[in-house]
């Protein structure tokens, strides 16, 4: 994906199937 900091909003991708689905994570911190 083309997004970059500070607007890259996902930190980890657990799994994905191209064209079908994705599971990702955002670790929300106080900074």
ModelCIF file with pLDDT and N, C-alpha, C, O atoms, coordinates in Angstrom:
data_MODEL
#
_entry.id   MODEL 
#
_entity.id                         1 
_entity.type                       polymer 
_entity.pdbx_number_of_molecules   1 
#
_entity_poly.entity_id                      1 
_entity_poly.type                           'polypeptide(L)' 
_entity_poly.nstd_linkage                   no 
_entity_poly.nstd_monomer                   no 
_entity_poly.pdbx_seq_one_letter_code       
;(UNK)(UNK)(UNK)(UNK)(UNK)(UNK)(UNK)(UNK)(UNK)(UNK)(UNK)(UNK)(UNK)(UNK)(UNK)(UNK)
(UNK)(UNK)(UNK)(UNK)(UNK)(UNK)(UNK)(UNK)(UNK)(UNK)(UNK)(UNK)(UNK)(UNK)(UNK)
;
_entity_poly.pdbx_seq_one_letter_code_can   XXXXXXXXXXXXXXXXXXXXXXXXXXXXXXX 
_entity_poly.pdbx_strand_id                 A 
#
loop_
_entity_poly_seq.entity_id 
_entity_poly_seq.num 
_entity_poly_seq.mon_id 
_entity_poly_seq.hetero 
1 1  UNK n 
1 2  UNK n 
1 3  UNK n 
1 4  UNK n 
1 5  UNK n 
1 6  UNK n 
1 7  UNK n 
1 8  UNK n 
1 9  UNK n 
1 10 UNK n 
1 11 UNK n 
1 12 UNK n 
1 13 UNK n 
1 14 UNK n 
1 15 UNK n 
1 16 UNK n 
1 17 UNK n 
1 18 UNK n 
1 19 UNK n 
1 20 UNK n 
1 21 UNK n 
1 22 UNK n 
1 23 UNK n 
1 24 UNK n 
1 25 UNK n 
1 26 UNK n 
1 27 UNK n 
1 28 UNK n 
1 29 UNK n 
1 30 UNK n 
1 31 UNK n 
#
_struct_asym.id          A 
_struct_asym.entity_id   1 
#
loop_
_ma_qa_metric.id 
_ma_qa_metric.mode 
_ma_qa_metric.name 
_ma_qa_metric.software_group_id 
_ma_qa_metric.type 
1 global pLDDT . pLDDT 
2 local  pLDDT . pLDDT 
#
_ma_qa_metric_global.metric_id      1 
_ma_qa_metric_global.metric_value   95.26 
_ma_qa_metric_global.model_id       1 
_ma_qa_metric_global.ordinal_id     1 
#
loop_
_ma_qa_metric_local.label_asym_id 
_ma_qa_metric_local.label_comp_id 
_ma_qa_metric_local.label_seq_id 
_ma_qa_metric_local.metric_id 
_ma_qa_metric_local.metric_value 
_ma_qa_metric_local.model_id 
_ma_qa_metric_local.ordinal_id 
A UNK 1  2 96.00 1 1  
A UNK 2  2 96.00 1 2  
A UNK 3  2 96.00 1 3  
A UNK 4  2 95.00 1 4  
A UNK 5  2 93.00 1 5  
A UNK 6  2 93.00 1 6  
A UNK 7  2 95.00 1 7  
A UNK 8  2 96.00 1 8  
A UNK 9  2 96.00 1 9  
A UNK 10 2 96.00 1 10 
A UNK 11 2 95.00 1 11 
A UNK 12 2 94.00 1 12 
A UNK 13 2 95.00 1 13 
A UNK 14 2 94.00 1 14 
A UNK 15 2 94.00 1 15 
A UNK 16 2 94.00 1 16 
A UNK 17 2 94.00 1 17 
A UNK 18 2 95.00 1 18 
A UNK 19 2 95.00 1 19 
A UNK 20 2 95.00 1 20 
A UNK 21 2 96.00 1 21 
A UNK 22 2 96.00 1 22 
A UNK 23 2 97.00 1 23 
A UNK 24 2 97.00 1 24 
A UNK 25 2 97.00 1 25 
A UNK 26 2 97.00 1 26 
A UNK 27 2 96.00 1 27 
A UNK 28 2 97.00 1 28 
A UNK 29 2 95.00 1 29 
A UNK 30 2 94.00 1 30 
A UNK 31 2 94.00 1 31 
#
loop_
_atom_site.group_PDB 
_atom_site.id 
_atom_site.type_symbol 
_atom_site.label_atom_id 
_atom_site.label_alt_id 
_atom_site.label_comp_id 
_atom_site.label_asym_id 
_atom_site.label_entity_id 
_atom_site.label_seq_id 
_atom_site.pdbx_PDB_ins_code 
_atom_site.Cartn_x 
_atom_site.Cartn_y 
_atom_site.Cartn_z 
_atom_site.occupancy 
_atom_site.B_iso_or_equiv 
_atom_site.pdbx_formal_charge 
_atom_site.auth_seq_id 
_atom_site.auth_comp_id 
_atom_site.auth_asym_id 
_atom_site.auth_atom_id 
_atom_site.pdbx_PDB_model_num 
ATOM 1   N N  . UNK A 1 1  ? 0.841   -1.199  0.000  1.00 96.00 ? 1  UNK A N  1 
ATOM 2   C CA . UNK A 1 1  ? 0.000   0.000   0.000  1.00 96.00 ? 1  UNK A CA 1 
ATOM 3   C C  . UNK A 1 1  ? 0.877   1.250   0.000  1.00 96.00 ? 1  UNK A C  1 
ATOM 4   O O  . UNK A 1 1  ? 2.005   1.208   0.491  1.00 96.00 ? 1  UNK A O  1 
ATOM 5   N N  . UNK A 1 2  ? 0.375   2.365   -0.545 1.00 96.00 ? 2  UNK A N  1 
ATOM 6   C CA . UNK A 1 2  ? 1.211   3.559   -0.709 1.00 96.00 ? 2  UNK A CA 1 
ATOM 7   C C  . UNK A 1 2  ? 1.277   4.483   0.505  1.00 96.00 ? 2  UNK A C  1 
ATOM 8   O O  . UNK A 1 2  ? 2.084   5.413   0.510  1.00 96.00 ? 2  UNK A O  1 
ATOM 9   N N  . UNK A 1 3  ? 0.456   4.261   1.536  1.00 96.00 ? 3  UNK A N  1 
ATOM 10  C CA . UNK A 1 3  ? 0.451   5.169   2.685  1.00 96.00 ? 3  UNK A CA 1 
ATOM 11  C C  . UNK A 1 3  ? 1.801   5.145   3.411  1.00 96.00 ? 3  UNK A C  1 
ATOM 12  O O  . UNK A 1 3  ? 2.480   4.120   3.466  1.00 96.00 ? 3  UNK A O  1 
ATOM 13  N N  . UNK A 1 4  ? 2.161   6.288   3.956  1.00 95.00 ? 4  UNK A N  1 
ATOM 14  C CA . UNK A 1 4  ? 3.407   6.433   4.703  1.00 95.00 ? 4  UNK A CA 1 
ATOM 15  C C  . UNK A 1 4  ? 3.152   7.185   6.012  1.00 95.00 ? 4  UNK A C  1 
ATOM 16  O O  . UNK A 1 4  ? 2.106   7.812   6.178  1.00 95.00 ? 4  UNK A O  1 
ATOM 17  N N  . UNK A 1 5  ? 4.120   7.117   6.946  1.00 93.00 ? 5  UNK A N  1 
ATOM 18  C CA . UNK A 1 5  ? 3.978   7.818   8.204  1.00 93.00 ? 5  UNK A CA 1 
ATOM 19  C C  . UNK A 1 5  ? 3.838   9.327   7.938  1.00 93.00 ? 5  UNK A C  1 
ATOM 20  O O  . UNK A 1 5  ? 4.465   9.858   7.021  1.00 93.00 ? 5  UNK A O  1 
ATOM 21  N N  . UNK A 1 6  ? 3.015   10.011  8.742  1.00 93.00 ? 6  UNK A N  1 
ATOM 22  C CA . UNK A 1 6  ? 2.329   9.488   9.921  1.00 93.00 ? 6  UNK A CA 1 
ATOM 23  C C  . UNK A 1 6  ? 0.952   8.893   9.631  1.00 93.00 ? 6  UNK A C  1 
ATOM 24  O O  . UNK A 1 6  ? 0.173   8.637   10.549 1.00 93.00 ? 6  UNK A O  1 
ATOM 25  N N  . UNK A 1 7  ? 0.656   8.673   8.331  1.00 95.00 ? 7  UNK A N  1 
ATOM 26  C CA . UNK A 1 7  ? -0.687  8.212   7.994  1.00 95.00 ? 7  UNK A CA 1 
ATOM 27  C C  . UNK A 1 7  ? -0.745  6.722   7.664  1.00 95.00 ? 7  UNK A C  1 
ATOM 28  O O  . UNK A 1 7  ? -1.768  6.236   7.181  1.00 95.00 ? 7  UNK A O  1 
ATOM 29  N N  . UNK A 1 8  ? 0.323   6.005   7.915  1.00 96.00 ? 8  UNK A N  1 
ATOM 30  C CA . UNK A 1 8  ? 0.279   4.546   7.796  1.00 96.00 ? 8  UNK A CA 1 
ATOM 31  C C  . UNK A 1 8  ? -0.347  4.011   9.076  1.00 96.00 ? 8  UNK A C  1 
ATOM 32  O O  . UNK A 1 8  ? 0.261   4.078   10.144 1.00 96.00 ? 8  UNK A O  1 
ATOM 33  N N  . UNK A 1 9  ? -1.547  3.486   8.971  1.00 96.00 ? 9  UNK A N  1 
ATOM 34  C CA . UNK A 1 9  ? -2.359  3.179   10.151 1.00 96.00 ? 9  UNK A CA 1 
ATOM 35  C C  . UNK A 1 9  ? -2.371  1.710   10.548 1.00 96.00 ? 9  UNK A C  1 
ATOM 36  O O  . UNK A 1 9  ? -3.124  1.333   11.446 1.00 96.00 ? 9  UNK A O  1 
ATOM 37  N N  . UNK A 1 10 ? -1.578  0.883   9.920  1.00 96.00 ? 10 UNK A N  1 
ATOM 38  C CA . UNK A 1 10 ? -1.486  -0.516  10.349 1.00 96.00 ? 10 UNK A CA 1 
ATOM 39  C C  . UNK A 1 10 ? -0.027  -0.862  10.638 1.00 96.00 ? 10 UNK A C  1 
ATOM 40  O O  . UNK A 1 10 ? 0.886   -0.414  9.946  1.00 96.00 ? 10 UNK A O  1 
ATOM 41  N N  . UNK A 1 11 ? 0.164   -1.666  11.675 1.00 95.00 ? 11 UNK A N  1 
ATOM 42  C CA . UNK A 1 11 ? 1.511   -2.026  12.123 1.00 95.00 ? 11 UNK A CA 1 
ATOM 43  C C  . UNK A 1 11 ? 1.891   -3.461  11.782 1.00 95.00 ? 11 UNK A C  1 
ATOM 44  O O  . UNK A 1 11 ? 3.073   -3.791  11.681 1.00 95.00 ? 11 UNK A O  1 
ATOM 45  N N  . UNK A 1 12 ? 0.893   -4.303  11.607 1.00 94.00 ? 12 UNK A N  1 
ATOM 46  C CA . UNK A 1 12 ? 1.169   -5.727  11.362 1.00 94.00 ? 12 UNK A CA 1 
ATOM 47  C C  . UNK A 1 12 ? 0.044   -6.322  10.538 1.00 94.00 ? 12 UNK A C  1 
ATOM 48  O O  . UNK A 1 12 ? -1.124  -5.980  10.723 1.00 94.00 ? 12 UNK A O  1 
ATOM 49  N N  . UNK A 1 13 ? 0.403   -7.211  9.631  1.00 95.00 ? 13 UNK A N  1 
ATOM 50  C CA . UNK A 1 13 ? -0.590  -7.974  8.869  1.00 95.00 ? 13 UNK A CA 1 
ATOM 51  C C  . UNK A 1 13 ? -0.472  -9.434  9.291  1.00 95.00 ? 13 UNK A C  1 
ATOM 52  O O  . UNK A 1 13 ? 0.573   -10.062 9.119  1.00 95.00 ? 13 UNK A O  1 
ATOM 53  N N  . UNK A 1 14 ? -1.551  -9.956  9.842  1.00 94.00 ? 14 UNK A N  1 
ATOM 54  C CA . UNK A 1 14 ? -1.532  -11.354 10.300 1.00 94.00 ? 14 UNK A CA 1 
ATOM 55  C C  . UNK A 1 14 ? -1.640  -12.314 9.117  1.00 94.00 ? 14 UNK A C  1 
ATOM 56  O O  . UNK A 1 14 ? -0.895  -13.289 9.019  1.00 94.00 ? 14 UNK A O  1 
ATOM 57  N N  . UNK A 1 15 ? -2.579  -12.019 8.227  1.00 94.00 ? 15 UNK A N  1 
ATOM 58  C CA . UNK A 1 15 ? -2.743  -12.853 7.035  1.00 94.00 ? 15 UNK A CA 1 
ATOM 59  C C  . UNK A 1 15 ? -3.601  -12.115 6.011  1.00 94.00 ? 15 UNK A C  1 
ATOM 60  O O  . UNK A 1 15 ? -4.364  -11.211 6.349  1.00 94.00 ? 15 UNK A O  1 
ATOM 61  N N  . UNK A 1 16 ? -3.457  -12.520 4.767  1.00 94.00 ? 16 UNK A N  1 
ATOM 62  C CA . UNK A 1 16 ? -4.333  -11.970 3.737  1.00 94.00 ? 16 UNK A CA 1 
ATOM 63  C C  . UNK A 1 16 ? -4.415  -12.941 2.569  1.00 94.00 ? 16 UNK A C  1 
ATOM 64  O O  . UNK A 1 16 ? -3.501  -13.727 2.324  1.00 94.00 ? 16 UNK A O  1 
ATOM 65  N N  . UNK A 1 17 ? -5.528  -12.866 1.860  1.00 94.00 ? 17 UNK A N  1 
ATOM 66  C CA . UNK A 1 17 ? -5.728  -13.611 0.626  1.00 94.00 ? 17 UNK A CA 1 
ATOM 67  C C  . UNK A 1 17 ? -6.001  -12.578 -0.459 1.00 94.00 ? 17 UNK A C  1 
ATOM 68  O O  . UNK A 1 17 ? -7.028  -11.902 -0.408 1.00 94.00 ? 17 UNK A O  1 
ATOM 69  N N  . UNK A 1 18 ? -5.111  -12.436 -1.440 1.00 95.00 ? 18 UNK A N  1 
ATOM 70  C CA . UNK A 1 18 ? -5.286  -11.414 -2.472 1.00 95.00 ? 18 UNK A CA 1 
ATOM 71  C C  . UNK A 1 18 ? -6.678  -11.455 -3.103 1.00 95.00 ? 18 UNK A C  1 
ATOM 72  O O  . UNK A 1 18 ? -7.138  -12.491 -3.583 1.00 95.00 ? 18 UNK A O  1 
ATOM 73  N N  . UNK A 1 19 ? -7.325  -10.296 -3.086 1.00 95.00 ? 19 UNK A N  1 
ATOM 74  C CA . UNK A 1 19 ? -8.646  -10.179 -3.693 1.00 95.00 ? 19 UNK A CA 1 
ATOM 75  C C  . UNK A 1 19 ? -9.789  -10.667 -2.837 1.00 95.00 ? 19 UNK A C  1 
ATOM 76  O O  . UNK A 1 19 ? -10.946 -10.585 -3.247 1.00 95.00 ? 19 UNK A O  1 
ATOM 77  N N  . UNK A 1 20 ? -9.482  -11.185 -1.632 1.00 95.00 ? 20 UNK A N  1 
ATOM 78  C CA . UNK A 1 20 ? -10.545 -11.765 -0.816 1.00 95.00 ? 20 UNK A CA 1 
ATOM 79  C C  . UNK A 1 20 ? -10.632 -11.198 0.597  1.00 95.00 ? 20 UNK A C  1 
ATOM 80  O O  . UNK A 1 20 ? -11.714 -10.796 1.024  1.00 95.00 ? 20 UNK A O  1 
ATOM 81  N N  . UNK A 1 21 ? -9.528  -11.154 1.331  1.00 96.00 ? 21 UNK A N  1 
ATOM 82  C CA . UNK A 1 21 ? -9.621  -10.738 2.729  1.00 96.00 ? 21 UNK A CA 1 
ATOM 83  C C  . UNK A 1 21 ? -8.259  -10.355 3.283  1.00 96.00 ? 21 UNK A C  1 
ATOM 84  O O  . UNK A 1 21 ? -7.218  -10.632 2.687  1.00 96.00 ? 21 UNK A O  1 
ATOM 85  N N  . UNK A 1 22 ? -8.298  -9.703  4.455  1.00 96.00 ? 22 UNK A N  1 
ATOM 86  C CA . UNK A 1 22 ? -7.064  -9.356  5.160  1.00 96.00 ? 22 UNK A CA 1 
ATOM 87  C C  . UNK A 1 22 ? -7.366  -9.197  6.643  1.00 96.00 ? 22 UNK A C  1 
ATOM 88  O O  . UNK A 1 22 ? -8.452  -8.770  7.035  1.00 96.00 ? 22 UNK A O  1 
ATOM 89  N N  . UNK A 1 23 ? -6.379  -9.550  7.455  1.00 97.00 ? 23 UNK A N  1 
ATOM 90  C CA . UNK A 1 23 ? -6.447  -9.347  8.906  1.00 97.00 ? 23 UNK A CA 1 
ATOM 91  C C  . UNK A 1 23 ? -5.180  -8.615  9.320  1.00 97.00 ? 23 UNK A C  1 
ATOM 92  O O  . UNK A 1 23 ? -4.070  -9.104  9.108  1.00 97.00 ? 23 UNK A O  1 
ATOM 93  N N  . UNK A 1 24 ? -5.354  -7.430  9.917  1.00 97.00 ? 24 UNK A N  1 
ATOM 94  C CA . UNK A 1 24 ? -4.205  -6.615  10.299 1.00 97.00 ? 24 UNK A CA 1 
ATOM 95  C C  . UNK A 1 24 ? -4.418  -6.054  11.703 1.00 97.00 ? 24 UNK A C  1 
ATOM 96  O O  . UNK A 1 24 ? -5.489  -6.198  12.294 1.00 97.00 ? 24 UNK A O  1 
ATOM 97  N N  . UNK A 1 25 ? -3.360  -5.403  12.227 1.00 97.00 ? 25 UNK A N  1 
ATOM 98  C CA . UNK A 1 25 ? -3.425  -4.838  13.578 1.00 97.00 ? 25 UNK A CA 1 
ATOM 99  C C  . UNK A 1 25 ? -2.845  -3.432  13.602 1.00 97.00 ? 25 UNK A C  1 
ATOM 100 O O  . UNK A 1 25 ? -1.903  -3.110  12.878 1.00 97.00 ? 25 UNK A O  1 
ATOM 101 N N  . UNK A 1 26 ? -3.439  -2.607  14.457 1.00 97.00 ? 26 UNK A N  1 
ATOM 102 C CA . UNK A 1 26 ? -2.913  -1.302  14.783 1.00 97.00 ? 26 UNK A CA 1 
ATOM 103 C C  . UNK A 1 26 ? -2.656  -1.274  16.286 1.00 97.00 ? 26 UNK A C  1 
ATOM 104 O O  . UNK A 1 26 ? -3.579  -1.456  17.080 1.00 97.00 ? 26 UNK A O  1 
ATOM 105 N N  . UNK A 1 27 ? -1.399  -1.046  16.678 1.00 96.00 ? 27 UNK A N  1 
ATOM 106 C CA . UNK A 1 27 ? -1.047  -0.958  18.099 1.00 96.00 ? 27 UNK A CA 1 
ATOM 107 C C  . UNK A 1 27 ? -1.160  0.502   18.513 1.00 96.00 ? 27 UNK A C  1 
ATOM 108 O O  . UNK A 1 27 ? -0.307  1.322   18.175 1.00 96.00 ? 27 UNK A O  1 
ATOM 109 N N  . UNK A 1 28 ? -2.211  0.814   19.241 1.00 97.00 ? 28 UNK A N  1 
ATOM 110 C CA . UNK A 1 28 ? -2.503  2.199   19.594 1.00 97.00 ? 28 UNK A CA 1 
ATOM 111 C C  . UNK A 1 28 ? -1.683  2.584   20.822 1.00 97.00 ? 28 UNK A C  1 
ATOM 112 O O  . UNK A 1 28 ? -1.834  1.983   21.885 1.00 97.00 ? 28 UNK A O  1 
ATOM 113 N N  . UNK A 1 29 ? -0.815  3.586   20.676 1.00 95.00 ? 29 UNK A N  1 
ATOM 114 C CA . UNK A 1 29 ? 0.000   4.027   21.811 1.00 95.00 ? 29 UNK A CA 1 
ATOM 115 C C  . UNK A 1 29 ? -0.232  5.505   22.087 1.00 95.00 ? 29 UNK A C  1 
ATOM 116 O O  . UNK A 1 29 ? -0.779  6.225   21.251 1.00 95.00 ? 29 UNK A O  1 
ATOM 117 N N  . UNK A 1 30 ? 0.183   5.945   23.251 1.00 94.00 ? 30 UNK A N  1 
ATOM 118 C CA . UNK A 1 30 ? -0.121  7.310   23.688 1.00 94.00 ? 30 UNK A CA 1 
ATOM 119 C C  . UNK A 1 30 ? 0.657   8.366   22.914 1.00 94.00 ? 30 UNK A C  1 
ATOM 120 O O  . UNK A 1 30 ? 0.367   9.556   23.036 1.00 94.00 ? 30 UNK A O  1 
ATOM 121 N N  . UNK A 1 31 ? 1.638   7.953   22.120 1.00 94.00 ? 31 UNK A N  1 
ATOM 122 C CA . UNK A 1 31 ? 2.427   8.910   21.339 1.00 94.00 ? 31 UNK A CA 1 
ATOM 123 C C  . UNK A 1 31 ? 1.825   9.201   19.965 1.00 94.00 ? 31 UNK A C  1 
ATOM 124 O O  . UNK A 1 31 ? 2.383   9.989   19.201 1.00 94.00 ? 31 UNK A O  1 
#
